[in-house]
Amino acid sequence: MKFYISPTHFASQREFIIRDEDQNKLFRVKGRFLLSLRWLKMRDMNDSFIYGVRKHFTVGFIRRYQITDDERKTVATIKRAYGFFRPKFTLTIADETYSVEGSLYQHRFEIQKDGETYAKISKSVFMFGDAFEIEVLHERNPLLFLFLIVTIDQFLHERKKFFK
């Protein structure tokens, strides 16, 4: 499944739309930021809550974020550690660990486990203009992987804004 986001999604409005290949609006993503991501929510176009992420306060260089579903149940965890040259992300979904590989600051990265790609993002030019293309290759829970990619992408955009 392929999804598209306009590159202006990291503008100051903190809200953007995820579209399909035919440019139909599918989801709305809205977040709150104060130097870093505080929360982010994904809703369908009928305003039904799908997934959300909230920062879990920690001390040290590792930040932890919990992904919750519409029943407020934690379905995934993102651990974000700061390295010398780039952040490192580790995802945990149902006791399985996934990694984020690729060029994070060029927004060309993938969620992988044991060498298998589950979702990926890249910036491309299409006939409708520039867009971030998100391809979800996992059939069992595609919206969760879509939301994970969008969340990691938002972390990277926020870092660019505050550390120029």
Protein backbone atom coordinates (compact mmCIF):
# COMPACT_ATOMS: atom_id res chain seq x y z
CA MET A 1 0.00 0.00 0.00
CA LYS A 2 1.29 3.45 -0.91
CA PHE A 3 0.51 6.70 0.85
CA TYR A 4 1.54 10.29 0.08
CA ILE A 5 2.20 13.40 2.16
CA SER A 6 2.91 16.88 0.84
CA PRO A 7 6.40 18.15 1.79
CA THR A 8 4.80 21.21 3.39
CA HIS A 9 3.53 18.93 6.17
CA PHE A 10 6.32 20.10 8.45
CA ALA A 11 5.18 23.71 8.26
CA SER A 12 4.14 25.49 11.41
CA GLN A 13 0.53 24.33 11.25
CA ARG A 14 1.36 20.92 12.83
CA GLU A 15 -1.43 19.23 10.93
CA PHE A 16 -1.34 17.43 7.59
CA ILE A 17 -3.25 15.01 5.39
CA ILE A 18 -2.19 11.54 4.22
CA ARG A 19 -3.49 10.68 0.75
CA ASP A 20 -3.64 7.64 -1.51
CA GLU A 21 -2.24 7.33 -5.06
CA ASP A 22 -5.31 9.06 -6.53
CA GLN A 23 -4.87 11.98 -4.10
CA ASN A 24 -7.96 11.01 -2.09
CA LYS A 25 -7.76 12.15 1.53
CA LEU A 26 -7.43 9.16 3.86
CA PHE A 27 -6.09 10.34 7.22
CA ARG A 28 -5.44 13.51 9.19
CA VAL A 29 -2.40 13.77 11.46
CA LYS A 30 -2.13 16.42 14.14
CA GLY A 31 0.55 16.94 16.76
CA ARG A 32 1.78 19.11 19.59
CA PHE A 33 5.40 20.10 19.82
CA LEU A 34 7.40 22.04 22.39
CA LEU A 35 11.08 21.67 21.48
CA SER A 36 10.21 18.06 20.71
CA LEU A 37 7.22 15.88 20.01
CA ARG A 38 4.74 15.78 22.91
CA TRP A 39 1.90 13.92 21.18
CA LEU A 40 0.74 13.01 17.70
CA LYS A 41 -2.63 11.60 16.62
CA MET A 42 -3.85 9.99 13.42
CA ARG A 43 -7.56 10.06 12.59
CA ASP A 44 -9.53 9.02 9.54
CA MET A 45 -11.51 11.60 7.57
CA ASN A 46 -14.59 10.86 9.71
CA ASP A 47 -12.54 12.02 12.72
CA SER A 48 -12.31 8.52 14.24
CA PHE A 49 -9.13 8.02 16.29
CA ILE A 50 -6.77 5.39 14.87
CA TYR A 51 -3.39 5.75 16.60
CA GLY A 52 -1.64 8.18 18.86
CA VAL A 53 1.82 8.61 20.30
CA ARG A 54 2.70 10.23 23.58
CA LYS A 55 6.11 10.96 25.03
CA HIS A 56 6.94 8.90 28.10
CA PHE A 57 9.17 11.07 30.29
CA THR A 58 12.59 9.56 30.91
CA VAL A 59 15.91 10.76 32.25
CA GLY A 60 19.00 10.41 30.10
CA PHE A 61 19.70 10.23 26.40
CA ILE A 62 17.04 7.67 25.53
CA ARG A 63 13.52 8.93 24.88
CA ARG A 64 10.57 6.56 24.94
CA TYR A 65 7.26 7.03 23.13
CA GLN A 66 4.18 4.84 23.43
CA ILE A 67 1.86 4.17 20.49
CA THR A 68 -1.75 3.62 21.55
CA ASP A 69 -4.78 2.46 19.60
CA ASP A 70 -8.40 3.64 19.79
CA GLU A 71 -8.91 1.68 23.03
CA ARG A 72 -5.93 3.49 24.65
CA LYS A 73 -4.00 0.20 24.71
CA THR A 74 -0.25 0.38 24.06
CA VAL A 75 0.47 -1.43 20.78
CA ALA A 76 4.07 -0.32 20.15
CA THR A 77 6.99 1.52 21.70
CA ILE A 78 9.59 3.73 20.04
CA LYS A 79 12.96 4.17 21.74
CA ARG A 80 14.96 7.08 20.45
CA ALA A 81 18.63 7.39 21.39
CA TYR A 82 20.95 10.19 20.31
CA GLY A 83 24.20 9.16 18.67
CA PHE A 84 27.13 11.28 17.56
CA PHE A 85 25.97 11.67 13.98
CA ARG A 86 22.31 10.63 13.91
CA PRO A 87 19.56 9.38 16.19
CA LYS A 88 18.91 5.67 16.53
CA PHE A 89 15.38 4.30 16.68
CA THR A 90 14.27 0.92 18.01
CA LEU A 91 10.65 -0.17 17.66
CA THR A 92 8.94 -2.83 19.74
CA ILE A 93 5.65 -4.31 18.55
CA ALA A 94 4.17 -7.31 20.38
CA ASP A 95 7.55 -8.27 21.90
CA GLU A 96 9.25 -8.13 18.48
CA THR A 97 12.06 -5.64 17.86
CA TYR A 98 12.38 -3.67 14.62
CA SER A 99 15.09 -1.27 13.51
CA VAL A 100 15.09 1.88 11.40
CA GLU A 101 17.71 1.82 8.65
CA GLY A 102 18.67 4.27 5.93
CA SER A 103 19.38 7.94 5.47
CA LEU A 104 17.27 9.55 8.19
CA TYR A 105 17.99 13.21 7.41
CA GLN A 106 17.28 12.72 3.70
CA HIS A 107 13.97 11.05 4.67
CA ARG A 108 14.85 7.79 2.93
CA PHE A 109 14.58 5.10 5.55
CA GLU A 110 12.92 1.77 6.26
CA ILE A 111 11.51 -0.19 9.17
CA GLN A 112 13.20 -3.60 9.12
CA LYS A 113 13.34 -6.83 11.07
CA ASP A 114 15.82 -9.59 10.26
CA GLY A 115 16.64 -7.95 6.92
CA GLU A 116 12.99 -7.82 5.80
CA THR A 117 11.47 -4.40 5.03
CA TYR A 118 8.05 -3.67 6.54
CA ALA A 119 7.62 0.01 5.56
CA LYS A 120 9.69 2.72 3.88
CA ILE A 121 9.57 6.43 3.10
CA SER A 122 11.22 8.49 0.38
CA LYS A 123 10.79 11.91 -1.17
CA SER A 124 9.93 11.80 -4.86
CA VAL A 125 8.54 13.92 -7.67
CA PHE A 126 5.17 12.87 -9.08
CA MET A 127 2.85 14.37 -11.67
CA PHE A 128 0.89 15.99 -8.82
CA GLY A 129 4.11 17.51 -7.39
CA ASP A 130 6.69 16.66 -4.75
CA ALA A 131 5.57 14.24 -2.08
CA PHE A 132 6.83 11.89 0.57
CA GLU A 133 5.89 8.42 -0.58
CA ILE A 134 5.30 5.90 2.17
CA GLU A 135 5.09 2.30 1.11
CA VAL A 136 3.79 -0.21 3.66
CA LEU A 137 4.77 -3.75 2.76
CA HIS A 138 3.34 -5.44 5.85
CA GLU A 139 -0.17 -6.79 5.24
CA ARG A 140 -1.11 -7.70 8.81
CA ASN A 141 -1.17 -4.20 10.31
CA PRO A 142 -0.48 -1.59 7.61
CA LEU A 143 -1.89 1.43 9.47
CA LEU A 144 0.37 0.83 12.46
CA PHE A 145 3.45 0.77 10.24
CA LEU A 146 2.20 3.87 8.41
CA PHE A 147 1.83 5.69 11.72
CA LEU A 148 5.29 4.55 12.90
CA ILE A 149 6.93 5.90 9.73
CA VAL A 150 5.06 9.22 10.05
CA THR A 151 6.04 9.54 13.72
CA ILE A 152 9.74 8.96 13.04
CA ASP A 153 9.58 11.40 10.15
CA GLN A 154 8.09 14.02 12.48
CA PHE A 155 10.95 13.51 14.96
CA LEU A 156 13.40 14.28 12.18
CA HIS A 157 11.56 17.40 10.98
CA GLU A 158 11.43 18.78 14.50
CA ARG A 159 15.15 18.25 14.97
CA LYS A 160 15.81 20.25 11.78
CA LYS A 161 13.65 23.14 12.99
CA PHE A 162 15.27 23.58 16.39
CA PHE A 163 18.88 22.74 15.56
CA LYS A 164 19.51 24.72 12.37
